């Protein structure tokens, strides 16, 4: 997703080769025998949901969670709470924007979008 958002062409060989497919099974590279379909589904679901959950942290209903993380992070970094909170808010907004673009690219009925909604 990060390479997509940065406009970088990724030439890595992945186990999944079609983000637009309707199902993960349709998106998998033919003939791969390293993991079971259930394993791929579990990995994909966790990855998509993690990205979605991070994007969901932008908004009024999650402010207490972000604030508490910012306090701990500021203490660890030896920086002011407001400085860290501002940077964290900006990072979350950027991630949310990039994730929305990735989902749009994949398509509303793609396996990626379906997993993100679970």
PDB file of N, CA and C in Angstrom:
ATOM      1  N   UNK A   1       0.822  -1.180   0.000  1.00  0.00           N
ATOM      2  CA  UNK A   1       0.000   0.000   0.000  1.00  0.00           C
ATOM      3  C   UNK A   1       0.869   1.248   0.000  1.00  0.00           C
ATOM      4  N   UNK A   2       1.947   1.241   0.755  1.00  0.00           N
ATOM      5  CA  UNK A   2       2.826   2.418   0.824  1.00  0.00           C
ATOM      6  C   UNK A   2       3.484   2.701  -0.519  1.00  0.00           C
ATOM      7  N   UNK A   3       3.923   1.658  -1.201  1.00  0.00           N
ATOM      8  CA  UNK A   3       4.527   1.853  -2.517  1.00  0.00           C
ATOM      9  C   UNK A   3       3.492   2.373  -3.505  1.00  0.00           C
ATOM     10  N   UNK A   4       2.284   1.861  -3.431  1.00  0.00           N
ATOM     11  CA  UNK A   4       1.199   2.338  -4.283  1.00  0.00           C
ATOM     12  C   UNK A   4       0.958   3.825  -4.037  1.00  0.00           C
ATOM     13  N   UNK A   5       0.858   4.205  -2.760  1.00  0.00           N
ATOM     14  CA  UNK A   5       0.591   5.600  -2.409  1.00  0.00           C
ATOM     15  C   UNK A   5       1.719   6.526  -2.875  1.00  0.00           C
ATOM     16  N   UNK A   6       2.940   6.003  -2.880  1.00  0.00           N
ATOM     17  CA  UNK A   6       4.089   6.815  -3.301  1.00  0.00           C
ATOM     18  C   UNK A   6       4.261   6.815  -4.817  1.00  0.00           C
ATOM     19  N   UNK A   7       3.457   6.041  -5.527  1.00  0.00           N
ATOM     20  CA  UNK A   7       3.561   5.985  -6.974  1.00  0.00           C
ATOM     21  C   UNK A   7       4.753   5.197  -7.478  1.00  0.00           C
ATOM     22  N   UNK A   8       5.246   4.282  -6.651  1.00  0.00           N
ATOM     23  CA  UNK A   8       6.406   3.470  -7.000  1.00  0.00           C
ATOM     24  C   UNK A   8       5.936   2.147  -7.587  1.00  0.00           C
ATOM     25  N   UNK A   9       6.455   1.797  -8.739  1.00  0.00           N
ATOM     26  CA  UNK A   9       6.142   0.518  -9.346  1.00  0.00           C
ATOM     27  C   UNK A   9       6.896  -0.573  -8.598  1.00  0.00           C
ATOM     28  N   UNK A  10       6.152  -1.515  -8.077  1.00  0.00           N
ATOM     29  CA  UNK A  10       6.734  -2.604  -7.290  1.00  0.00           C
ATOM     30  C   UNK A  10       6.869  -3.835  -8.174  1.00  0.00           C
ATOM     31  N   UNK A  11       8.076  -4.338  -8.311  1.00  0.00           N
ATOM     32  CA  UNK A  11       8.318  -5.512  -9.159  1.00  0.00           C
ATOM     33  C   UNK A  11       8.477  -6.798  -8.343  1.00  0.00           C
ATOM     34  N   UNK A  12       8.173  -6.739  -7.069  1.00  0.00           N
ATOM     35  CA  UNK A  12       8.273  -7.910  -6.199  1.00  0.00           C
ATOM     36  C   UNK A  12       7.249  -8.965  -6.625  1.00  0.00           C
ATOM     37  N   UNK A  13       7.643 -10.219  -6.595  1.00  0.00           N
ATOM     38  CA  UNK A  13       6.713 -11.318  -6.842  1.00  0.00           C
ATOM     39  C   UNK A  13       5.964 -11.624  -5.550  1.00  0.00           C
ATOM     40  N   UNK A  14       4.667 -11.423  -5.557  1.00  0.00           N
ATOM     41  CA  UNK A  14       3.831 -11.685  -4.399  1.00  0.00           C
ATOM     42  C   UNK A  14       3.002 -12.938  -4.624  1.00  0.00           C
ATOM     43  N   UNK A  15       2.477 -13.480  -3.561  1.00  0.00           N
ATOM     44  CA  UNK A  15       1.613 -14.657  -3.632  1.00  0.00           C
ATOM     45  C   UNK A  15       0.231 -14.284  -4.167  1.00  0.00           C
ATOM     46  N   UNK A  16      -0.090 -13.016  -4.082  1.00  0.00           N
ATOM     47  CA  UNK A  16      -1.359 -12.498  -4.579  1.00  0.00           C
ATOM     48  C   UNK A  16      -1.030 -11.551  -5.720  1.00  0.00           C
ATOM     49  N   UNK A  17      -1.683 -11.750  -6.874  1.00  0.00           N
ATOM     50  CA  UNK A  17      -1.323 -10.915  -8.006  1.00  0.00           C
ATOM     51  C   UNK A  17      -2.462 -10.085  -8.573  1.00  0.00           C
ATOM     52  N   UNK A  18      -3.632 -10.077  -7.923  1.00  0.00           N
ATOM     53  CA  UNK A  18      -4.757  -9.304  -8.440  1.00  0.00           C
ATOM     54  C   UNK A  18      -5.528  -8.656  -7.298  1.00  0.00           C
ATOM     55  N   UNK A  19      -5.310  -7.368  -7.111  1.00  0.00           N
ATOM     56  CA  UNK A  19      -6.017  -6.639  -6.053  1.00  0.00           C
ATOM     57  C   UNK A  19      -7.479  -6.392  -6.406  1.00  0.00           C
ATOM     58  N   UNK A  20      -7.821  -6.504  -7.680  1.00  0.00           N
ATOM     59  CA  UNK A  20      -9.181  -6.230  -8.134  1.00  0.00           C
ATOM     60  C   UNK A  20     -10.085  -7.457  -8.091  1.00  0.00           C
ATOM     61  N   UNK A  21      -9.526  -8.625  -7.864  1.00  0.00           N
ATOM     62  CA  UNK A  21     -10.303  -9.861  -7.867  1.00  0.00           C
ATOM     63  C   UNK A  21     -11.417  -9.800  -6.817  1.00  0.00           C
ATOM     64  N   UNK A  22     -12.475 -10.519  -7.087  1.00  0.00           N
ATOM     65  CA  UNK A  22     -13.620 -10.541  -6.169  1.00  0.00           C
ATOM     66  C   UNK A  22     -13.343 -11.362  -4.911  1.00  0.00           C
ATOM     67  N   UNK A  23     -12.408 -12.315  -5.010  1.00  0.00           N
ATOM     68  CA  UNK A  23     -12.087 -13.143  -3.846  1.00  0.00           C
ATOM     69  C   UNK A  23     -10.573 -13.333  -3.760  1.00  0.00           C
ATOM     70  N   UNK A  24     -10.121 -13.631  -2.575  1.00  0.00           N
ATOM     71  CA  UNK A  24      -8.701 -13.894  -2.372  1.00  0.00           C
ATOM     72  C   UNK A  24      -8.267 -15.109  -3.190  1.00  0.00           C
ATOM     73  N   UNK A  25      -9.107 -16.114  -3.252  1.00  0.00           N
ATOM     74  CA  UNK A  25      -8.778 -17.321  -4.006  1.00  0.00           C
ATOM     75  C   UNK A  25      -8.490 -17.002  -5.475  1.00  0.00           C
ATOM     76  N   UNK A  26      -9.280 -16.089  -6.059  1.00  0.00           N
ATOM     77  CA  UNK A  26      -9.069 -15.689  -7.450  1.00  0.00           C
ATOM     78  C   UNK A  26      -7.787 -14.870  -7.611  1.00  0.00           C
ATOM     79  N   UNK A  27      -7.346 -14.222  -6.548  1.00  0.00           N
ATOM     80  CA  UNK A  27      -6.195 -13.330  -6.604  1.00  0.00           C
ATOM     81  C   UNK A  27      -4.860 -14.046  -6.416  1.00  0.00           C
ATOM     82  N   UNK A  28      -4.893 -15.250  -5.860  1.00  0.00           N
ATOM     83  CA  UNK A  28      -3.657 -15.979  -5.575  1.00  0.00           C
ATOM     84  C   UNK A  28      -2.953 -16.437  -6.841  1.00  0.00           C
ATOM     85  N   UNK A  29      -1.631 -16.470  -6.781  1.00  0.00           N
ATOM     86  CA  UNK A  29      -0.820 -16.975  -7.884  1.00  0.00           C
ATOM     87  C   UNK A  29      -1.110 -18.457  -8.061  1.00  0.00           C
ATOM     88  N   UNK A  30      -1.301 -18.884  -9.287  1.00  0.00           N
ATOM     89  CA  UNK A  30      -1.578 -20.296  -9.570  1.00  0.00           C
ATOM     90  C   UNK A  30      -0.415 -21.190  -9.158  1.00  0.00           C
ATOM     91  N   UNK A  31      -0.743 -22.328  -8.602  1.00  0.00           N
ATOM     92  CA  UNK A  31       0.258 -23.341  -8.310  1.00  0.00           C
ATOM     93  C   UNK A  31       1.039 -23.145  -7.026  1.00  0.00           C
ATOM     94  N   UNK A  32       0.723 -22.157  -6.226  1.00  0.00           N
ATOM     95  CA  UNK A  32       1.472 -21.962  -4.984  1.00  0.00           C
ATOM     96  C   UNK A  32       1.063 -23.021  -3.976  1.00  0.00           C
ATOM     97  N   UNK A  33       2.025 -23.676  -3.393  1.00  0.00           N
ATOM     98  CA  UNK A  33       1.747 -24.775  -2.461  1.00  0.00           C
ATOM     99  C   UNK A  33       2.359 -24.546  -1.078  1.00  0.00           C
ATOM    100  N   UNK A  34       2.874 -23.344  -0.797  1.00  0.00           N
ATOM    101  CA  UNK A  34       3.569 -23.120   0.468  1.00  0.00           C
ATOM    102  C   UNK A  34       2.635 -23.041   1.672  1.00  0.00           C
ATOM    103  N   UNK A  35       1.476 -22.445   1.480  1.00  0.00           N
ATOM    104  CA  UNK A  35       0.533 -22.303   2.583  1.00  0.00           C
ATOM    105  C   UNK A  35      -0.846 -22.770   2.138  1.00  0.00           C
ATOM    106  N   UNK A  36      -1.687 -23.071   3.091  1.00  0.00           N
ATOM    107  CA  UNK A  36      -3.060 -23.437   2.765  1.00  0.00           C
ATOM    108  C   UNK A  36      -3.853 -22.177   2.447  1.00  0.00           C
ATOM    109  N   UNK A  37      -4.959 -22.349   1.771  1.00  0.00           N
ATOM    110  CA  UNK A  37      -5.842 -21.207   1.465  1.00  0.00           C
ATOM    111  C   UNK A  37      -6.286 -20.526   2.765  1.00  0.00           C
ATOM    112  N   UNK A  38      -6.547 -21.318   3.778  1.00  0.00           N
ATOM    113  CA  UNK A  38      -6.966 -20.753   5.063  1.00  0.00           C
ATOM    114  C   UNK A  38      -5.865 -19.879   5.654  1.00  0.00           C
ATOM    115  N   UNK A  39      -4.619 -20.284   5.492  1.00  0.00           N
ATOM    116  CA  UNK A  39      -3.502 -19.479   5.989  1.00  0.00           C
ATOM    117  C   UNK A  39      -3.420 -18.153   5.262  1.00  0.00           C
ATOM    118  N   UNK A  40      -3.546 -18.180   3.941  1.00  0.00           N
ATOM    119  CA  UNK A  40      -3.525 -16.943   3.153  1.00  0.00           C
ATOM    120  C   UNK A  40      -4.680 -16.034   3.546  1.00  0.00           C
ATOM    121  N   UNK A  41      -5.832 -16.634   3.741  1.00  0.00           N
ATOM    122  CA  UNK A  41      -6.992 -15.847   4.123  1.00  0.00           C
ATOM    123  C   UNK A  41      -6.776 -15.179   5.476  1.00  0.00           C
ATOM    124  N   UNK A  42      -6.192 -15.902   6.412  1.00  0.00           N
ATOM    125  CA  UNK A  42      -5.915 -15.355   7.742  1.00  0.00           C
ATOM    126  C   UNK A  42      -4.910 -14.205   7.664  1.00  0.00           C
ATOM    127  N   UNK A  43      -3.853 -14.391   6.894  1.00  0.00           N
ATOM    128  CA  UNK A  43      -2.834 -13.351   6.742  1.00  0.00           C
ATOM    129  C   UNK A  43      -3.442 -12.110   6.081  1.00  0.00           C
ATOM    130  N   UNK A  44      -4.184 -12.317   5.006  1.00  0.00           N
ATOM    131  CA  UNK A  44      -4.791 -11.198   4.286  1.00  0.00           C
ATOM    132  C   UNK A  44      -5.803 -10.460   5.156  1.00  0.00           C
ATOM    133  N   UNK A  45      -6.631 -11.211   5.873  1.00  0.00           N
ATOM    134  CA  UNK A  45      -7.634 -10.588   6.746  1.00  0.00           C
ATOM    135  C   UNK A  45      -6.965  -9.741   7.822  1.00  0.00           C
ATOM    136  N   UNK A  46      -5.939 -10.280   8.452  1.00  0.00           N
ATOM    137  CA  UNK A  46      -5.248  -9.516   9.496  1.00  0.00           C
ATOM    138  C   UNK A  46      -4.567  -8.279   8.942  1.00  0.00           C
ATOM    139  N   UNK A  47      -3.970  -8.396   7.772  1.00  0.00           N
ATOM    140  CA  UNK A  47      -3.302  -7.241   7.169  1.00  0.00           C
ATOM    141  C   UNK A  47      -4.306  -6.156   6.814  1.00  0.00           C
ATOM    142  N   UNK A  48      -5.388  -6.535   6.147  1.00  0.00           N
ATOM    143  CA  UNK A  48      -6.396  -5.551   5.741  1.00  0.00           C
ATOM    144  C   UNK A  48      -7.056  -4.913   6.955  1.00  0.00           C
ATOM    145  N   UNK A  49      -7.401  -5.712   7.929  1.00  0.00           N
ATOM    146  CA  UNK A  49      -8.054  -5.153   9.128  1.00  0.00           C
ATOM    147  C   UNK A  49      -7.105  -4.256   9.913  1.00  0.00           C
ATOM    148  N   UNK A  50      -5.833  -4.588   9.956  1.00  0.00           N
ATOM    149  CA  UNK A  50      -4.870  -3.724  10.647  1.00  0.00           C
ATOM    150  C   UNK A  50      -4.773  -2.367   9.961  1.00  0.00           C
ATOM    151  N   UNK A  51      -4.723  -2.386   8.637  1.00  0.00           N
ATOM    152  CA  UNK A  51      -4.676  -1.121   7.898  1.00  0.00           C
ATOM    153  C   UNK A  51      -5.957  -0.322   8.118  1.00  0.00           C
ATOM    154  N   UNK A  52      -7.093  -1.009   8.119  1.00  0.00           N
ATOM    155  CA  UNK A  52      -8.370  -0.323   8.319  1.00  0.00           C
ATOM    156  C   UNK A  52      -8.474   0.229   9.737  1.00  0.00           C
ATOM    157  N   UNK A  53      -8.073  -0.542  10.708  1.00  0.00           N
ATOM    158  CA  UNK A  53      -8.137  -0.071  12.103  1.00  0.00           C
ATOM    159  C   UNK A  53      -7.264   1.158  12.323  1.00  0.00           C
ATOM    160  N   UNK A  54      -6.094   1.176  11.715  1.00  0.00           N
ATOM    161  CA  UNK A  54      -5.232   2.348  11.823  1.00  0.00           C
ATOM    162  C   UNK A  54      -5.905   3.553  11.170  1.00  0.00           C
ATOM    163  N   UNK A  55      -6.514   3.358  10.015  1.00  0.00           N
ATOM    164  CA  UNK A  55      -7.228   4.445   9.343  1.00  0.00           C
ATOM    165  C   UNK A  55      -8.414   4.917  10.177  1.00  0.00           C
ATOM    166  N   UNK A  56      -9.062   4.010  10.869  1.00  0.00           N
ATOM    167  CA  UNK A  56     -10.225   4.346  11.695  1.00  0.00           C
ATOM    168  C   UNK A  56      -9.874   5.184  12.925  1.00  0.00           C
ATOM    169  N   UNK A  57      -8.598   5.287  13.245  1.00  0.00           N
ATOM    170  CA  UNK A  57      -8.210   6.081  14.411  1.00  0.00           C
ATOM    171  C   UNK A  57      -8.349   7.586  14.182  1.00  0.00           C
ATOM    172  N   UNK A  58      -8.586   7.992  12.949  1.00  0.00           N
ATOM    173  CA  UNK A  58      -8.839   9.398  12.660  1.00  0.00           C
ATOM    174  C   UNK A  58     -10.309   9.661  12.963  1.00  0.00           C
ATOM    175  N   UNK A  59     -10.582  10.560  13.877  1.00  0.00           N
ATOM    176  CA  UNK A  59     -11.962  10.887  14.191  1.00  0.00           C
ATOM    177  C   UNK A  59     -12.185  11.086  15.671  1.00  0.00           C
ATOM    178  N   UNK A  60     -13.263  11.765  15.980  1.00  0.00           N
ATOM    179  CA  UNK A  60     -13.568  12.146  17.355  1.00  0.00           C
ATOM    180  C   UNK A  60     -13.758  10.971  18.291  1.00  0.00           C
ATOM    181  N   UNK A  61     -14.299   9.857  17.800  1.00  0.00           N
ATOM    182  CA  UNK A  61     -14.611   8.736  18.689  1.00  0.00           C
ATOM    183  C   UNK A  61     -13.363   7.989  19.163  1.00  0.00           C
ATOM    184  N   UNK A  62     -12.222   8.244  18.553  1.00  0.00           N
ATOM    185  CA  UNK A  62     -11.003   7.536  18.948  1.00  0.00           C
ATOM    186  C   UNK A  62      -9.969   8.460  19.579  1.00  0.00           C
ATOM    187  N   UNK A  63     -10.329   9.681  19.845  1.00  0.00           N
ATOM    188  CA  UNK A  63      -9.346  10.649  20.325  1.00  0.00           C
ATOM    189  C   UNK A  63      -8.684  10.251  21.641  1.00  0.00           C
ATOM    190  N   UNK A  64      -9.415   9.616  22.527  1.00  0.00           N
ATOM    191  CA  UNK A  64      -8.816   9.196  23.799  1.00  0.00           C
ATOM    192  C   UNK A  64      -7.722   8.161  23.577  1.00  0.00           C
ATOM    193  N   UNK A  65      -7.908   7.264  22.625  1.00  0.00           N
ATOM    194  CA  UNK A  65      -6.894   6.238  22.331  1.00  0.00           C
ATOM    195  C   UNK A  65      -5.635   6.876  21.766  1.00  0.00           C
ATOM    196  N   UNK A  66      -5.824   7.809  20.846  1.00  0.00           N
ATOM    197  CA  UNK A  66      -4.686   8.494  20.232  1.00  0.00           C
ATOM    198  C   UNK A  66      -3.974   9.345  21.277  1.00  0.00           C
ATOM    199  N   UNK A  67      -4.728  10.026  22.118  1.00  0.00           N
ATOM    200  CA  UNK A  67      -4.127  10.876  23.149  1.00  0.00           C
ATOM    201  C   UNK A  67      -3.296  10.059  24.126  1.00  0.00           C
ATOM    202  N   UNK A  68      -3.801   8.909  24.536  1.00  0.00           N
ATOM    203  CA  UNK A  68      -3.053   8.099  25.495  1.00  0.00           C
ATOM    204  C   UNK A  68      -1.779   7.548  24.865  1.00  0.00           C
ATOM    205  N   UNK A  69      -1.826   7.160  23.603  1.00  0.00           N
ATOM    206  CA  UNK A  69      -0.616   6.697  22.918  1.00  0.00           C
ATOM    207  C   UNK A  69       0.381   7.836  22.765  1.00  0.00           C
ATOM    208  N   UNK A  70      -0.103   9.033  22.471  1.00  0.00           N
ATOM    209  CA  UNK A  70       0.781  10.190  22.297  1.00  0.00           C
ATOM    210  C   UNK A  70       1.516  10.518  23.590  1.00  0.00           C
ATOM    211  N   UNK A  71       0.845  10.395  24.721  1.00  0.00           N
ATOM    212  CA  UNK A  71       1.478  10.678  26.010  1.00  0.00           C
ATOM    213  C   UNK A  71       2.637   9.724  26.263  1.00  0.00           C
ATOM    214  N   UNK A  72       2.386   8.438  26.072  1.00  0.00           N
ATOM    215  CA  UNK A  72       3.445   7.451  26.279  1.00  0.00           C
ATOM    216  C   UNK A  72       4.584   7.613  25.303  1.00  0.00           C
ATOM    217  N   UNK A  73       4.265   7.894  24.063  1.00  0.00           N
ATOM    218  CA  UNK A  73       5.285   8.084  23.045  1.00  0.00           C
ATOM    219  C   UNK A  73       6.109   9.340  23.323  1.00  0.00           C
ATOM    220  N   UNK A  74       5.459  10.405  23.750  1.00  0.00           N
ATOM    221  CA  UNK A  74       6.167  11.652  24.070  1.00  0.00           C
ATOM    222  C   UNK A  74       7.146  11.426  25.219  1.00  0.00           C
ATOM    223  N   UNK A  75       6.706  10.701  26.219  1.00  0.00           N
ATOM    224  CA  UNK A  75       7.580  10.407  27.358  1.00  0.00           C
ATOM    225  C   UNK A  75       8.793   9.594  26.902  1.00  0.00           C
ATOM    226  N   UNK A  76       8.553   8.585  26.096  1.00  0.00           N
ATOM    227  CA  UNK A  76       9.636   7.737  25.596  1.00  0.00           C
ATOM    228  C   UNK A  76      10.622   8.540  24.748  1.00  0.00           C
ATOM    229  N   UNK A  77      10.100   9.429  23.908  1.00  0.00           N
ATOM    230  CA  UNK A  77      10.950  10.207  23.012  1.00  0.00           C
ATOM    231  C   UNK A  77      11.559  11.448  23.653  1.00  0.00           C
ATOM    232  N   UNK A  78      11.055  11.817  24.835  1.00  0.00           N
ATOM    233  CA  UNK A  78      11.540  13.018  25.493  1.00  0.00           C
ATOM    234  C   UNK A  78      11.120  14.280  24.759  1.00  0.00           C
ATOM    235  N   UNK A  79       9.944  14.234  24.143  1.00  0.00           N
ATOM    236  CA  UNK A  79       9.418  15.376  23.408  1.00  0.00           C
ATOM    237  C   UNK A  79       8.118  15.828  24.058  1.00  0.00           C
ATOM    238  N   UNK A  80       7.646  16.997  23.675  1.00  0.00           N
ATOM    239  CA  UNK A  80       6.407  17.511  24.258  1.00  0.00           C
ATOM    240  C   UNK A  80       5.215  16.706  23.758  1.00  0.00           C
ATOM    241  N   UNK A  81       4.216  16.596  24.612  1.00  0.00           N
ATOM    242  CA  UNK A  81       3.014  15.867  24.253  1.00  0.00           C
ATOM    243  C   UNK A  81       2.307  16.475  23.056  1.00  0.00           C
ATOM    244  N   UNK A  82       2.244  17.793  22.988  1.00  0.00           N
ATOM    245  CA  UNK A  82       1.550  18.437  21.871  1.00  0.00           C
ATOM    246  C   UNK A  82       2.289  18.217  20.551  1.00  0.00           C
ATOM    247  N   UNK A  83       3.612  18.205  20.595  1.00  0.00           N
ATOM    248  CA  UNK A  83       4.409  17.970  19.389  1.00  0.00           C
ATOM    249  C   UNK A  83       4.173  16.547  18.869  1.00  0.00           C
ATOM    250  N   UNK A  84       4.230  15.593  19.764  1.00  0.00           N
ATOM    251  CA  UNK A  84       4.030  14.201  19.376  1.00  0.00           C
ATOM    252  C   UNK A  84       2.589  13.982  18.917  1.00  0.00           C
ATOM    253  N   UNK A  85       1.641  14.559  19.621  1.00  0.00           N
ATOM    254  CA  UNK A  85       0.225  14.412  19.243  1.00  0.00           C
ATOM    255  C   UNK A  85      -0.014  14.980  17.855  1.00  0.00           C
ATOM    256  N   UNK A  86       0.559  16.138  17.565  1.00  0.00           N
ATOM    257  CA  UNK A  86       0.404  16.730  16.236  1.00  0.00           C
ATOM    258  C   UNK A  86       0.978  15.832  15.151  1.00  0.00           C
ATOM    259  N   UNK A  87       2.164  15.302  15.390  1.00  0.00           N
ATOM    260  CA  UNK A  87       2.802  14.417  14.410  1.00  0.00           C
ATOM    261  C   UNK A  87       2.002  13.123  14.248  1.00  0.00           C
ATOM    262  N   UNK A  88       1.503  12.590  15.349  1.00  0.00           N
ATOM    263  CA  UNK A  88       0.714  11.364  15.296  1.00  0.00           C
ATOM    264  C   UNK A  88      -0.596  11.594  14.534  1.00  0.00           C
ATOM    265  N   UNK A  89      -1.256  12.713  14.796  1.00  0.00           N
ATOM    266  CA  UNK A  89      -2.488  13.036  14.075  1.00  0.00           C
ATOM    267  C   UNK A  89      -2.237  13.159  12.577  1.00  0.00           C
ATOM    268  N   UNK A  90      -1.140  13.809  12.204  1.00  0.00           N
ATOM    269  CA  UNK A  90      -0.808  13.964  10.786  1.00  0.00           C
ATOM    270  C   UNK A  90      -0.505  12.613  10.135  1.00  0.00           C
ATOM    271  N   UNK A  91       0.220  11.756  10.849  1.00  0.00           N
ATOM    272  CA  UNK A  91       0.525  10.436  10.320  1.00  0.00           C
ATOM    273  C   UNK A  91      -0.755   9.620  10.112  1.00  0.00           C
ATOM    274  N   UNK A  92      -1.662   9.698  11.068  1.00  0.00           N
ATOM    275  CA  UNK A  92      -2.920   8.958  10.952  1.00  0.00           C
ATOM    276  C   UNK A  92      -3.770   9.485   9.800  1.00  0.00           C
ATOM    277  N   UNK A  93      -3.816  10.791   9.630  1.00  0.00           N
ATOM    278  CA  UNK A  93      -4.565  11.370   8.509  1.00  0.00           C
ATOM    279  C   UNK A  93      -3.965  10.925   7.177  1.00  0.00           C
ATOM    280  N   UNK A  94      -2.643  10.943   7.093  1.00  0.00           N
ATOM    281  CA  UNK A  94      -1.984  10.528   5.858  1.00  0.00           C
ATOM    282  C   UNK A  94      -2.251   9.050   5.575  1.00  0.00           C
ATOM    283  N   UNK A  95      -2.151   8.219   6.598  1.00  0.00           N
ATOM    284  CA  UNK A  95      -2.429   6.796   6.413  1.00  0.00           C
ATOM    285  C   UNK A  95      -3.866   6.593   5.948  1.00  0.00           C
ATOM    286  N   UNK A  96      -4.800   7.276   6.579  1.00  0.00           N
ATOM    287  CA  UNK A  96      -6.212   7.144   6.221  1.00  0.00           C
ATOM    288  C   UNK A  96      -6.434   7.535   4.760  1.00  0.00           C
ATOM    289  N   UNK A  97      -5.804   8.610   4.339  1.00  0.00           N
ATOM    290  CA  UNK A  97      -5.909   9.073   2.951  1.00  0.00           C
ATOM    291  C   UNK A  97      -5.325   8.019   2.001  1.00  0.00           C
ATOM    292  N   UNK A  98      -4.150   7.498   2.312  1.00  0.00           N
ATOM    293  CA  UNK A  98      -3.505   6.496   1.463  1.00  0.00           C
ATOM    294  C   UNK A  98      -4.300   5.192   1.426  1.00  0.00           C
ATOM    295  N   UNK A  99      -4.833   4.780   2.555  1.00  0.00           N
ATOM    296  CA  UNK A  99      -5.612   3.546   2.612  1.00  0.00           C
ATOM    297  C   UNK A  99      -6.890   3.699   1.784  1.00  0.00           C
ATOM    298  N   UNK A 100      -7.543   4.855   1.883  1.00  0.00           N
ATOM    299  CA  UNK A 100      -8.753   5.093   1.088  1.00  0.00           C
ATOM    300  C   UNK A 100      -8.432   5.018  -0.404  1.00  0.00           C
ATOM    301  N   UNK A 101      -7.305   5.576  -0.803  1.00  0.00           N
ATOM    302  CA  UNK A 101      -6.891   5.512  -2.202  1.00  0.00           C
ATOM    303  C   UNK A 101      -6.608   4.091  -2.646  1.00  0.00           C
ATOM    304  N   UNK A 102      -5.995   3.316  -1.774  1.00  0.00           N
ATOM    305  CA  UNK A 102      -5.688   1.920  -2.076  1.00  0.00           C
ATOM    306  C   UNK A 102      -6.976   1.115  -2.244  1.00  0.00           C
ATOM    307  N   UNK A 103      -7.939   1.340  -1.351  1.00  0.00           N
ATOM    308  CA  UNK A 103      -9.220   0.650  -1.449  1.00  0.00           C
ATOM    309  C   UNK A 103      -9.966   1.065  -2.716  1.00  0.00           C
ATOM    310  N   UNK A 104      -9.901   2.331  -3.053  1.00  0.00           N
ATOM    311  CA  UNK A 104     -10.545   2.804  -4.276  1.00  0.00           C
ATOM    312  C   UNK A 104      -9.911   2.146  -5.499  1.00  0.00           C
ATOM    313  N   UNK A 105      -8.598   2.076  -5.512  1.00  0.00           N
ATOM    314  CA  UNK A 105      -7.885   1.427  -6.609  1.00  0.00           C
ATOM    315  C   UNK A 105      -8.275  -0.052  -6.710  1.00  0.00           C
ATOM    316  N   UNK A 106      -8.365  -0.725  -5.573  1.00  0.00           N
ATOM    317  CA  UNK A 106      -8.689  -2.157  -5.556  1.00  0.00           C
ATOM    318  C   UNK A 106     -10.119  -2.411  -6.002  1.00  0.00           C
ATOM    319  N   UNK A 107     -10.997  -1.475  -5.715  1.00  0.00           N
ATOM    320  CA  UNK A 107     -12.403  -1.609  -6.097  1.00  0.00           C
ATOM    321  C   UNK A 107     -13.285  -1.939  -4.914  1.00  0.00           C
ATOM    322  N   UNK A 108     -14.479  -1.383  -4.917  1.00  0.00           N
ATOM    323  CA  UNK A 108     -15.399  -1.569  -3.795  1.00  0.00           C
ATOM    324  C   UNK A 108     -15.822  -3.017  -3.578  1.00  0.00           C
ATOM    325  N   UNK A 109     -15.809  -3.818  -4.622  1.00  0.00           N
ATOM    326  CA  UNK A 109     -16.216  -5.218  -4.467  1.00  0.00           C
ATOM    327  C   UNK A 109     -15.019  -6.171  -4.497  1.00  0.00           C
ATOM    328  N   UNK A 110     -13.819  -5.632  -4.358  1.00  0.00           N
ATOM    329  CA  UNK A 110     -12.623  -6.470  -4.356  1.00  0.00           C
ATOM    330  C   UNK A 110     -12.480  -7.222  -3.041  1.00  0.00           C
ATOM    331  N   UNK A 111     -11.654  -8.258  -3.066  1.00  0.00           N
ATOM    332  CA  UNK A 111     -11.387  -9.017  -1.844  1.00  0.00           C
ATOM    333  C   UNK A 111     -10.743  -8.148  -0.786  1.00  0.00           C
ATOM    334  N   UNK A 112      -9.920  -7.165  -1.202  1.00  0.00           N
ATOM    335  CA  UNK A 112      -9.267  -6.271  -0.245  1.00  0.00           C
ATOM    336  C   UNK A 112     -10.314  -5.452   0.491  1.00  0.00           C
ATOM    337  N   UNK A 113     -11.239  -4.852  -0.246  1.00  0.00           N
ATOM    338  CA  UNK A 113     -12.280  -4.040   0.374  1.00  0.00           C
ATOM    339  C   UNK A 113     -13.194  -4.886   1.260  1.00  0.00           C
ATOM    340  N   UNK A 114     -13.476  -6.091   0.818  1.00  0.00           N
ATOM    341  CA  UNK A 114     -14.321  -6.986   1.622  1.00  0.00           C
ATOM    342  C   UNK A 114     -13.646  -7.297   2.962  1.00  0.00           C
ATOM    343  N   UNK A 115     -12.362  -7.604   2.930  1.00  0.00           N
ATOM    344  CA  UNK A 115     -11.638  -7.914   4.179  1.00  0.00           C
ATOM    345  C   UNK A 115     -11.555  -6.689   5.081  1.00  0.00           C
ATOM    346  N   UNK A 116     -11.393  -5.519   4.508  1.00  0.00           N
ATOM    347  CA  UNK A 116     -11.297  -4.294   5.299  1.00  0.00           C
ATOM    348  C   UNK A 116     -12.605  -4.003   6.028  1.00  0.00           C
ATOM    349  N   UNK A 117     -13.719  -4.423   5.447  1.00  0.00           N
ATOM    350  CA  UNK A 117     -15.027  -4.181   6.072  1.00  0.00           C
ATOM    351  C   UNK A 117     -15.387  -5.207   7.129  1.00  0.00           C
ATOM    352  N   UNK A 118     -14.666  -6.337   7.188  1.00  0.00           N
ATOM    353  CA  UNK A 118     -15.012  -7.398   8.143  1.00  0.00           C
ATOM    354  C   UNK A 118     -14.773  -6.962   9.566  1.00  0.00           C
TER     355      UNK A 118
END
